[in-house]
C-alpha atoms as a PDB file:
ATOM      1  CA  MET A   1      26.433 -67.234 -63.964  1.00  0.00           C
ATOM      2  CA  LEU A   2      24.693 -64.232 -65.522  1.00  0.00           C
ATOM      3  CA  GLU A   3      27.983 -62.351 -65.729  1.00  0.00           C
ATOM      4  CA  ASP A   4      29.769 -65.380 -67.180  1.00  0.00           C
ATOM      5  CA  GLY A   5      27.127 -65.483 -69.908  1.00  0.00           C
ATOM      6  CA  GLY A   6      28.267 -62.080 -71.161  1.00  0.00           C
ATOM      7  CA  GLY A   7      26.049 -59.799 -69.064  1.00  0.00           C
ATOM      8  CA  ASP A   8      27.217 -56.815 -67.018  1.00  0.00           C
ATOM      9  CA  ASP A   9      26.566 -55.797 -63.424  1.00  0.00           C
ATOM     10  CA  ALA A  10      23.201 -54.302 -64.413  1.00  0.00           C
ATOM     11  CA  VAL A  11      21.703 -57.774 -64.869  1.00  0.00           C
ATOM     12  CA  LEU A  12      22.208 -58.378 -61.139  1.00  0.00           C
ATOM     13  CA  ASP A  13      20.122 -55.340 -60.195  1.00  0.00           C
ATOM     14  CA  PHE A  14      16.862 -57.103 -59.334  1.00  0.00           C
ATOM     15  CA  PRO A  15      14.802 -57.379 -56.130  1.00  0.00           C
ATOM     16  CA  ILE A  16      15.216 -60.458 -53.944  1.00  0.00           C
ATOM     17  CA  VAL A  17      12.336 -61.856 -51.888  1.00  0.00           C
ATOM     18  CA  TYR A  18      12.888 -64.654 -49.398  1.00  0.00           C
ATOM     19  CA  ALA A  19       9.750 -66.784 -49.283  1.00  0.00           C
ATOM     20  CA  SER A  20       8.452 -70.078 -47.977  1.00  0.00           C
ATOM     21  CA  ALA A  21       5.386 -71.425 -49.771  1.00  0.00           C
ATOM     22  CA  LYS A  22       4.958 -74.125 -47.145  1.00  0.00           C
ATOM     23  CA  VAL A  23       4.327 -71.670 -44.297  1.00  0.00           C
ATOM     24  CA  GLY A  24       2.956 -68.840 -46.470  1.00  0.00           C
ATOM     25  CA  ARG A  25       5.539 -66.217 -45.509  1.00  0.00           C
ATOM     26  CA  ALA A  26       7.754 -63.811 -47.429  1.00  0.00           C
ATOM     27  CA  SER A  27      10.267 -61.157 -46.413  1.00  0.00           C
ATOM     28  CA  LEU A  28      12.804 -58.788 -47.950  1.00  0.00           C
ATOM     29  CA  THR A  29      15.233 -59.675 -45.158  1.00  0.00           C
ATOM     30  CA  ALA A  30      17.202 -62.898 -45.428  1.00  0.00           C
ATOM     31  CA  PRO A  31      16.246 -65.314 -42.628  1.00  0.00           C
ATOM     32  CA  GLY A  32      18.867 -67.178 -40.662  1.00  0.00           C
ATOM     33  CA  ALA A  33      19.976 -70.657 -41.616  1.00  0.00           C
ATOM     34  CA  GLY A  34      17.087 -73.066 -41.123  1.00  0.00           C
ATOM     35  CA  GLU A  35      14.687 -70.254 -40.155  1.00  0.00           C
ATOM     36  CA  ILE A  36      11.539 -69.038 -41.901  1.00  0.00           C
ATOM     37  CA  PRO A  37      10.890 -65.466 -43.155  1.00  0.00           C
ATOM     38  CA  GLU A  38      10.098 -63.077 -40.337  1.00  0.00           C
ATOM     39  CA  GLU A  39       6.907 -61.580 -41.781  1.00  0.00           C
ATOM     40  CA  GLU A  40       3.674 -63.502 -41.182  1.00  0.00           C
ATOM     41  CA  ASN A  41       2.216 -63.255 -44.687  1.00  0.00           C
ATOM     42  CA  LEU A  42       3.115 -62.888 -48.382  1.00  0.00           C
ATOM     43  CA  GLU A  43       2.560 -59.134 -48.543  1.00  0.00           C
ATOM     44  CA  SER A  44       6.227 -58.390 -49.355  1.00  0.00           C
ATOM     45  CA  LEU A  45       6.093 -60.731 -52.339  1.00  0.00           C
ATOM     46  CA  PHE A  46       2.912 -59.195 -53.761  1.00  0.00           C
ATOM     47  CA  GLU A  47       4.162 -55.625 -53.226  1.00  0.00           C
ATOM     48  CA  THR A  48       7.419 -56.455 -55.012  1.00  0.00           C
ATOM     49  CA  ILE A  49       5.524 -57.929 -57.971  1.00  0.00           C
ATOM     50  CA  LEU A  50       3.284 -54.860 -58.264  1.00  0.00           C
ATOM     51  CA  SER A  51       6.162 -52.393 -58.004  1.00  0.00           C
ATOM     52  CA  THR A  52       8.569 -54.256 -60.321  1.00  0.00           C
ATOM     53  CA  ILE A  53       6.499 -55.856 -63.090  1.00  0.00           C
ATOM     54  CA  PRO A  54       4.965 -53.246 -65.427  1.00  0.00           C
ATOM     55  CA  ALA A  55       1.235 -53.158 -66.018  1.00  0.00           C
ATOM     56  CA  PRO A  56      -0.021 -54.433 -69.389  1.00  0.00           C
ATOM     57  CA  THR A  57       0.226 -51.945 -72.235  1.00  0.00           C
ATOM     58  CA  TYR A  58      -2.563 -51.529 -74.754  1.00  0.00           C
ATOM     59  CA  ASP A  59      -4.033 -49.189 -77.308  1.00  0.00           C
ATOM     60  CA  GLY A  60      -7.290 -47.712 -76.078  1.00  0.00           C
ATOM     61  CA  ALA A  61      -8.463 -47.096 -79.638  1.00  0.00           C
ATOM     62  CA  ALA A  62      -7.647 -50.584 -80.923  1.00  0.00           C
ATOM     63  CA  PRO A  63     -10.405 -53.141 -81.555  1.00  0.00           C
ATOM     64  CA  LEU A  64     -10.858 -56.319 -79.534  1.00  0.00           C
ATOM     65  CA  GLN A  65      -7.962 -58.786 -79.557  1.00  0.00           C
ATOM     66  CA  ALA A  66      -7.927 -61.769 -77.181  1.00  0.00           C
ATOM     67  CA  HIS A  67      -5.173 -64.360 -77.635  1.00  0.00           C
ATOM     68  CA  VAL A  68      -5.851 -68.032 -76.842  1.00  0.00           C
ATOM     69  CA  THR A  69      -2.743 -69.109 -74.894  1.00  0.00           C
ATOM     70  CA  ASN A  70      -3.975 -72.360 -73.325  1.00  0.00           C
ATOM     71  CA  LEU A  71      -6.931 -74.724 -73.074  1.00  0.00           C
ATOM     72  CA  ASP A  72      -8.858 -76.353 -70.256  1.00  0.00           C
ATOM     73  CA  SER A  73     -12.047 -78.349 -69.931  1.00  0.00           C
ATOM     74  CA  SER A  74     -15.111 -78.363 -67.718  1.00  0.00           C
ATOM     75  CA  PRO A  75     -17.611 -81.195 -67.240  1.00  0.00           C
ATOM     76  CA  PHE A  76     -20.393 -78.608 -67.579  1.00  0.00           C
ATOM     77  CA  LEU A  77     -19.032 -76.157 -70.181  1.00  0.00           C
ATOM     78  CA  GLY A  78     -16.827 -78.399 -72.347  1.00  0.00           C
ATOM     79  CA  ARG A  79     -13.664 -76.937 -73.831  1.00  0.00           C
ATOM     80  CA  LEU A  80     -12.514 -73.664 -72.255  1.00  0.00           C
ATOM     81  CA  ALA A  81     -10.242 -71.282 -74.131  1.00  0.00           C
ATOM     82  CA  LEU A  82      -7.873 -69.478 -71.758  1.00  0.00           C
ATOM     83  CA  CYS A  83      -7.213 -66.052 -73.220  1.00  0.00           C
ATOM     84  CA  ARG A  84      -5.336 -62.893 -72.459  1.00  0.00           C
ATOM     85  CA  VAL A  85      -7.148 -59.755 -73.587  1.00  0.00           C
ATOM     86  CA  ARG A  86      -4.611 -57.602 -75.453  1.00  0.00           C
ATOM     87  CA  ASN A  87      -6.869 -54.773 -76.619  1.00  0.00           C
ATOM     88  CA  GLY A  88     -10.517 -53.804 -76.421  1.00  0.00           C
ATOM     89  CA  GLU A  89     -13.263 -55.276 -74.290  1.00  0.00           C
ATOM     90  CA  ILE A  90     -15.038 -58.632 -74.444  1.00  0.00           C
ATOM     91  CA  ARG A  91     -18.489 -59.343 -72.981  1.00  0.00           C
ATOM     92  CA  LYS A  92     -20.565 -62.381 -72.171  1.00  0.00           C
ATOM     93  CA  GLY A  93     -23.054 -63.077 -74.975  1.00  0.00           C
ATOM     94  CA  GLN A  94     -21.074 -60.990 -77.469  1.00  0.00           C
ATOM     95  CA  GLN A  95     -20.604 -62.004 -81.091  1.00  0.00           C
ATOM     96  CA  VAL A  96     -16.892 -62.019 -81.906  1.00  0.00           C
ATOM     97  CA  ALA A  97     -14.708 -62.954 -84.884  1.00  0.00           C
ATOM     98  CA  TRP A  98     -12.862 -66.226 -84.399  1.00  0.00           C
ATOM     99  CA  CYS A  99      -9.584 -65.929 -86.362  1.00  0.00           C
ATOM    100  CA  ARG A 100      -8.594 -69.548 -86.950  1.00  0.00           C
ATOM    101  CA  SER A 101      -5.167 -71.066 -87.532  1.00  0.00           C
ATOM    102  CA  ASP A 102      -6.032 -71.903 -91.161  1.00  0.00           C
ATOM    103  CA  GLY A 103      -6.634 -68.227 -91.933  1.00  0.00           C
ATOM    104  CA  SER A 104     -10.437 -68.379 -91.972  1.00  0.00           C
ATOM    105  CA  ILE A 105     -12.637 -66.138 -89.844  1.00  0.00           C
ATOM    106  CA  LYS A 106     -15.921 -67.270 -88.280  1.00  0.00           C
ATOM    107  CA  SER A 107     -18.508 -65.428 -86.204  1.00  0.00           C
ATOM    108  CA  VAL A 108     -19.107 -67.066 -82.795  1.00  0.00           C
ATOM    109  CA  LYS A 109     -20.905 -66.207 -79.561  1.00  0.00           C
ATOM    110  CA  ILE A 110     -19.318 -66.074 -76.111  1.00  0.00           C
ATOM    111  CA  THR A 111     -21.744 -68.214 -74.105  1.00  0.00           C
ATOM    112  CA  GLU A 112     -19.786 -68.050 -70.848  1.00  0.00           C
ATOM    113  CA  LEU A 113     -17.084 -65.704 -69.565  1.00  0.00           C
ATOM    114  CA  LEU A 114     -14.963 -66.509 -66.511  1.00  0.00           C
ATOM    115  CA  LEU A 115     -12.453 -64.045 -65.061  1.00  0.00           C
ATOM    116  CA  THR A 116      -9.341 -65.193 -63.206  1.00  0.00           C
ATOM    117  CA  GLU A 117      -9.167 -63.900 -59.631  1.00  0.00           C
ATOM    118  CA  ALA A 118      -6.225 -65.261 -57.619  1.00  0.00           C
ATOM    119  CA  LEU A 119      -6.452 -69.045 -58.118  1.00  0.00           C
ATOM    120  CA  ASP A 120     -10.162 -69.120 -58.944  1.00  0.00           C
ATOM    121  CA  ARG A 121     -12.330 -68.432 -61.970  1.00  0.00           C
ATOM    122  CA  VAL A 122     -15.433 -66.388 -61.309  1.00  0.00           C
ATOM    123  CA  PRO A 123     -18.304 -65.561 -63.689  1.00  0.00           C
ATOM    124  CA  ALA A 124     -18.034 -62.095 -65.215  1.00  0.00           C
ATOM    125  CA  GLU A 125     -19.974 -59.917 -67.615  1.00  0.00           C
ATOM    126  CA  LYS A 126     -16.959 -58.273 -69.268  1.00  0.00           C
ATOM    127  CA  ALA A 127     -13.158 -58.191 -69.323  1.00  0.00           C
ATOM    128  CA  GLY A 128     -10.575 -55.699 -70.559  1.00  0.00           C
ATOM    129  CA  PRO A 129      -6.881 -55.396 -71.489  1.00  0.00           C
ATOM    130  CA  GLY A 130      -4.565 -57.462 -69.301  1.00  0.00           C
ATOM    131  CA  ASP A 131      -7.302 -59.732 -67.954  1.00  0.00           C
ATOM    132  CA  ILE A 132      -6.840 -63.503 -68.051  1.00  0.00           C
ATOM    133  CA  ILE A 133     -10.177 -65.079 -68.963  1.00  0.00           C
ATOM    134  CA  ALA A 134     -11.737 -68.428 -69.788  1.00  0.00           C
ATOM    135  CA  ILE A 135     -14.481 -68.540 -72.405  1.00  0.00           C
ATOM    136  CA  ALA A 136     -16.886 -71.291 -73.439  1.00  0.00           C
ATOM    137  CA  GLY A 137     -18.992 -71.824 -76.507  1.00  0.00           C
ATOM    138  CA  ILE A 138     -16.336 -72.633 -79.142  1.00  0.00           C
ATOM    139  CA  PRO A 139     -15.709 -76.405 -79.060  1.00  0.00           C
ATOM    140  CA  ASP A 140     -12.994 -76.489 -81.772  1.00  0.00           C
ATOM    141  CA  ILE A 141     -10.934 -73.468 -80.726  1.00  0.00           C
ATOM    142  CA  THR A 142      -7.244 -74.155 -80.135  1.00  0.00           C
ATOM    143  CA  ILE A 143      -4.051 -72.548 -78.868  1.00  0.00           C
ATOM    144  CA  GLY A 144      -2.701 -69.574 -80.832  1.00  0.00           C
ATOM    145  CA  GLU A 145      -5.978 -68.406 -82.351  1.00  0.00           C
ATOM    146  CA  THR A 146      -7.509 -64.967 -81.811  1.00  0.00           C
ATOM    147  CA  LEU A 147     -10.915 -63.631 -80.829  1.00  0.00           C
ATOM    148  CA  ALA A 148     -11.341 -60.245 -82.459  1.00  0.00           C
ATOM    149  CA  ASP A 149     -13.773 -57.474 -83.261  1.00  0.00           C
ATOM    150  CA  PRO A 150     -16.267 -58.775 -85.884  1.00  0.00           C
ATOM    151  CA  ASP A 151     -16.184 -55.444 -87.707  1.00  0.00           C
ATOM    152  CA  ASN A 152     -12.388 -55.185 -87.752  1.00  0.00           C
ATOM    153  CA  PRO A 153     -10.811 -58.607 -87.120  1.00  0.00           C
ATOM    154  CA  ILE A 154      -7.028 -58.327 -86.619  1.00  0.00           C
ATOM    155  CA  PRO A 155      -5.486 -61.678 -85.695  1.00  0.00           C
ATOM    156  CA  LEU A 156      -2.473 -61.879 -83.393  1.00  0.00           C
ATOM    157  CA  PRO A 157       0.597 -63.993 -84.302  1.00  0.00           C
ATOM    158  CA  LEU A 158      -0.109 -67.713 -84.152  1.00  0.00           C
ATOM    159  CA  ILE A 159       1.314 -69.878 -81.387  1.00  0.00           C
ATOM    160  CA  THR A 160       2.384 -73.237 -82.763  1.00  0.00           C
ATOM    161  CA  VAL A 161       2.167 -76.474 -80.773  1.00  0.00           C
ATOM    162  CA  ASP A 162       4.910 -79.050 -81.274  1.00  0.00           C
ATOM    163  CA  GLU A 163       3.994 -82.313 -82.982  1.00  0.00           C
ATOM    164  CA  PRO A 164       3.881 -85.486 -80.823  1.00  0.00           C
ATOM    165  CA  ALA A 165       7.261 -87.192 -80.486  1.00  0.00           C
ATOM    166  CA  ILE A 166       6.507 -90.229 -78.301  1.00  0.00           C
ATOM    167  CA  SER A 167       3.660 -92.759 -78.338  1.00  0.00           C
ATOM    168  CA  MET A 168       2.569 -95.587 -76.075  1.00  0.00           C
ATOM    169  CA  THR A 169      -0.330 -98.010 -76.006  1.00  0.00           C
ATOM    170  CA  ILE A 170      -2.873 -97.578 -73.206  1.00  0.00           C
ATOM    171  CA  GLY A 171      -5.574-100.199 -72.724  1.00  0.00           C
ATOM    172  CA  THR A 172      -7.675-102.009 -70.177  1.00  0.00           C
ATOM    173  CA  ASN A 173      -6.132-104.241 -67.523  1.00  0.00           C
ATOM    174  CA  THR A 174      -5.897-107.750 -68.998  1.00  0.00           C
ATOM    175  CA  SER A 175      -3.927-109.382 -66.178  1.00  0.00           C
ATOM    176  CA  PRO A 176      -5.363-112.167 -63.949  1.00  0.00           C
ATOM    177  CA  LEU A 177      -5.466-109.651 -61.076  1.00  0.00           C
ATOM    178  CA  ALA A 178      -7.863-107.280 -62.845  1.00  0.00           C
ATOM    179  CA  GLY A 179     -10.821-106.157 -60.767  1.00  0.00           C
ATOM    180  CA  ARG A 180      -9.251-106.882 -57.381  1.00  0.00           C
ATOM    181  CA  THR A 181      -9.446-103.195 -56.420  1.00  0.00           C
ATOM    182  CA  LYS A 182     -12.852-102.127 -55.145  1.00  0.00           C
ATOM    183  CA  GLY A 183     -14.379 -99.403 -57.314  1.00  0.00           C
ATOM    184  CA  GLY A 184     -11.801 -99.825 -60.068  1.00  0.00           C
ATOM    185  CA  LYS A 185     -12.647 -98.632 -63.572  1.00  0.00           C
ATOM    186  CA  LEU A 186     -12.096-101.598 -65.861  1.00  0.00           C
ATOM    187  CA  THR A 187     -14.086-101.375 -69.066  1.00  0.00           C
ATOM    188  CA  ALA A 188     -12.832-100.182 -72.446  1.00  0.00           C
ATOM    189  CA  ARG A 189     -15.689 -97.684 -72.657  1.00  0.00           C
ATOM    190  CA  LEU A 190     -14.597 -95.942 -69.454  1.00  0.00           C
ATOM    191  CA  VAL A 191     -10.969 -95.800 -70.545  1.00  0.00           C
ATOM    192  CA  LYS A 192     -11.852 -94.399 -73.981  1.00  0.00           C
ATOM    193  CA  ASP A 193     -14.212 -91.810 -72.484  1.00  0.00           C
ATOM    194  CA  ARG A 194     -11.415 -90.650 -70.162  1.00  0.00           C
ATOM    195  CA  LEU A 195      -8.937 -90.332 -73.030  1.00  0.00           C
ATOM    196  CA  ASP A 196     -11.496 -88.387 -75.081  1.00  0.00           C
ATOM    197  CA  ARG A 197     -12.020 -85.985 -72.167  1.00  0.00           C
ATOM    198  CA  GLU A 198      -8.269 -85.424 -71.985  1.00  0.00           C
ATOM    199  CA  LEU A 199      -8.269 -84.335 -75.638  1.00  0.00           C
ATOM    200  CA  ILE A 200     -10.660 -81.484 -74.846  1.00  0.00           C
ATOM    201  CA  GLY A 201      -8.060 -79.528 -72.896  1.00  0.00           C
ATOM    202  CA  ASN A 202      -4.790 -81.050 -74.125  1.00  0.00           C
ATOM    203  CA  VAL A 203      -4.038 -80.195 -77.749  1.00  0.00           C
ATOM    204  CA  SER A 204      -0.589 -81.798 -77.654  1.00  0.00           C
ATOM    205  CA  LEU A 205      -2.154 -85.245 -77.226  1.00  0.00           C
ATOM    206  CA  ARG A 206      -3.475 -87.566 -79.932  1.00  0.00           C
ATOM    207  CA  VAL A 207      -5.446 -90.797 -79.453  1.00  0.00           C
ATOM    208  CA  LEU A 208      -5.449 -93.298 -82.320  1.00  0.00           C
ATOM    209  CA  ASP A 209      -7.266 -96.603 -82.690  1.00  0.00           C
ATOM    210  CA  THR A 210      -5.325 -99.880 -82.761  1.00  0.00           C
ATOM    211  CA  GLU A 211      -6.149-103.392 -83.905  1.00  0.00           C
ATOM    212  CA  ARG A 212      -7.450-104.140 -80.417  1.00  0.00           C
ATOM    213  CA  PRO A 213     -10.856-102.740 -79.387  1.00  0.00           C
ATOM    214  CA  ASP A 214      -9.657-102.265 -75.792  1.00  0.00           C
ATOM    215  CA  ALA A 215      -6.342-100.437 -76.440  1.00  0.00           C
ATOM    216  CA  TRP A 216      -5.365 -97.125 -78.052  1.00  0.00           C
ATOM    217  CA  GLU A 217      -2.162 -95.491 -79.233  1.00  0.00           C
ATOM    218  CA  VAL A 218      -1.656 -92.270 -77.278  1.00  0.00           C
ATOM    219  CA  GLN A 219       0.851 -89.789 -78.701  1.00  0.00           C
ATOM    220  CA  GLY A 220       2.391 -86.900 -76.775  1.00  0.00           C
ATOM    221  CA  ARG A 221       5.349 -84.521 -76.796  1.00  0.00           C
ATOM    222  CA  GLY A 222       7.431 -86.568 -74.361  1.00  0.00           C
ATOM    223  CA  GLU A 223       7.559 -89.390 -71.853  1.00  0.00           C
ATOM    224  CA  LEU A 224       6.839 -87.009 -68.975  1.00  0.00           C
ATOM    225  CA  ALA A 225       3.549 -85.805 -70.494  1.00  0.00           C
ATOM    226  CA  LEU A 226       2.373 -89.376 -71.055  1.00  0.00           C
ATOM    227  CA  ALA A 227       3.540 -90.465 -67.592  1.00  0.00           C
ATOM    228  CA  ILE A 228       1.515 -87.650 -66.011  1.00  0.00           C
ATOM    229  CA  LEU A 229      -1.608 -88.768 -67.892  1.00  0.00           C
ATOM    230  CA  VAL A 230      -1.144 -92.399 -66.814  1.00  0.00           C
ATOM    231  CA  GLU A 231      -0.589 -91.381 -63.183  1.00  0.00           C
ATOM    232  CA  GLN A 232      -3.681 -89.148 -63.209  1.00  0.00           C
ATOM    233  CA  MET A 233      -5.803 -92.015 -64.559  1.00  0.00           C
ATOM    234  CA  ARG A 234      -4.355 -94.405 -61.996  1.00  0.00           C
ATOM    235  CA  ARG A 235      -5.286 -92.045 -59.160  1.00  0.00           C
ATOM    236  CA  GLU A 236      -8.777 -91.747 -60.607  1.00  0.00           C
ATOM    237  CA  GLY A 237      -9.235 -95.511 -60.212  1.00  0.00           C
ATOM    238  CA  PHE A 238      -8.531 -96.739 -63.744  1.00  0.00           C
ATOM    239  CA  GLU A 239      -6.855-100.128 -64.159  1.00  0.00           C
ATOM    240  CA  LEU A 240      -4.608 -99.977 -67.208  1.00  0.00           C
ATOM    241  CA  THR A 241      -2.028-101.749 -69.257  1.00  0.00           C
ATOM    242  CA  VAL A 242       0.656 -99.425 -70.615  1.00  0.00           C
ATOM    243  CA  GLY A 243       3.013-100.262 -73.452  1.00  0.00           C
ATOM    244  CA  LYS A 244       6.636 -99.314 -73.960  1.00  0.00           C
ATOM    245  CA  PRO A 245       7.192 -95.747 -75.274  1.00  0.00           C
ATOM    246  CA  GLN A 246       7.980 -95.606 -78.980  1.00  0.00           C
ATOM    247  CA  VAL A 247       9.317 -92.793 -81.159  1.00  0.00           C
ATOM    248  CA  VAL A 248       6.724 -91.306 -83.517  1.00  0.00           C
ATOM    249  CA  VAL A 249       8.129 -91.378 -87.040  1.00  0.00           C
ATOM    250  CA  LYS A 250       6.837 -89.538 -90.092  1.00  0.00           C
ATOM    251  CA  GLU A 251       7.343 -90.215 -93.783  1.00  0.00           C
ATOM    252  CA  ILE A 252       8.345 -87.116 -95.746  1.00  0.00           C
ATOM    253  CA  ASP A 253       9.088 -87.334 -99.486  1.00  0.00           C
ATOM    254  CA  GLY A 254       9.420 -91.097 -99.248  1.00  0.00           C
ATOM    255  CA  LYS A 255      11.922 -90.992 -96.375  1.00  0.00           C
ATOM    256  CA  VAL A 256      11.258 -91.896 -92.755  1.00  0.00           C
ATOM    257  CA  HIS A 257      12.007 -89.053 -90.298  1.00  0.00           C
ATOM    258  CA  GLU A 258      12.080 -89.100 -86.518  1.00  0.00           C
ATOM    259  CA  PRO A 259      11.932 -86.159 -84.047  1.00  0.00           C
ATOM    260  CA  VAL A 260      15.170 -84.307 -83.275  1.00  0.00           C
ATOM    261  CA  GLU A 261      15.729 -81.804 -80.483  1.00  0.00           C
ATOM    262  CA  ARG A 262      18.407 -79.117 -80.558  1.00  0.00           C
ATOM    263  CA  MET A 263      20.003 -78.041 -77.293  1.00  0.00           C
ATOM    264  CA  THR A 264      22.390 -75.183 -76.491  1.00  0.00           C
ATOM    265  CA  ILE A 265      24.503 -75.290 -73.332  1.00  0.00           C
ATOM    266  CA  ASP A 266      26.308 -72.158 -72.076  1.00  0.00           C
ATOM    267  CA  THR A 267      29.331 -72.878 -69.868  1.00  0.00           C
ATOM    268  CA  ARG A 268      32.456 -71.122 -68.646  1.00  0.00           C
ATOM    269  CA  LYS A 269      35.536 -71.254 -70.857  1.00  0.00           C
ATOM    270  CA  SER A 270      37.422 -72.987 -68.042  1.00  0.00           C
ATOM    271  CA  THR A 271      35.152 -76.013 -68.431  1.00  0.00           C
ATOM    272  CA  TRP A 272      35.749 -76.392 -72.141  1.00  0.00           C
ATOM    273  CA  ALA A 273      37.661 -79.402 -73.391  1.00  0.00           C
ATOM    274  CA  PRO A 274      39.176 -79.955 -76.824  1.00  0.00           C
ATOM    275  CA  SER A 275      36.908 -81.853 -79.152  1.00  0.00           C
ATOM    276  CA  ARG A 276      37.842 -85.329 -80.193  1.00  0.00           C
ATOM    277  CA  SER A 277      37.233 -86.683 -83.674  1.00  0.00           C
END
């Protein structure tokens, strides 16, 4: 497929690791049909990653630049900004320049610094280039913004988040069977609190009031994102009513617009068919 897309033989020159996540094994030797990798751990996978993927590059003389690439939330720390440190060093308790998406710059303090180690986040005093960190203390920070040196703030290119394209109504369970499940979360206050908590770490989501005090319009980037939220709430014990997904429209210059997605499909010439008018 890579060659059919216009590449040459060089694109096929990459290492191959045969792994099974279920049993936690990896090997450079192809196992037999229906068999698992022969090695008893994932060492081959990690060694291949270290030897193939280059280490992060940075300028040792450059000032601090940490890019916010994602968000998360903590019941104790609130909104967490997940950052990759591009240049410089960042420390817990440090005053940094928060380069916002609107072009303004504000001085903020890093109240908590968590460093990513394997699948965990551990408290740390400092982090340097290439480190993936989570910081607390900036409730309104969002994806794409930069934490920089207060004396020489140089923002990194912004990362834009797509506007919501689909909406659905989520409210309390109003059916005659409501409350039959022991420990179920039924009240409008609990549902609204849960939706508000989701907004802390999910910038692609919007929650709008409706005419009903026990239902809200929840907007997201697609049906899958909203379905995941509903399923998470269901597993947490919430009893909900969920409306039919609707397209989010926007009025621009007096005309109603709806979201459009562009898709490019690369195929072999042999699969092409003449277009029909």
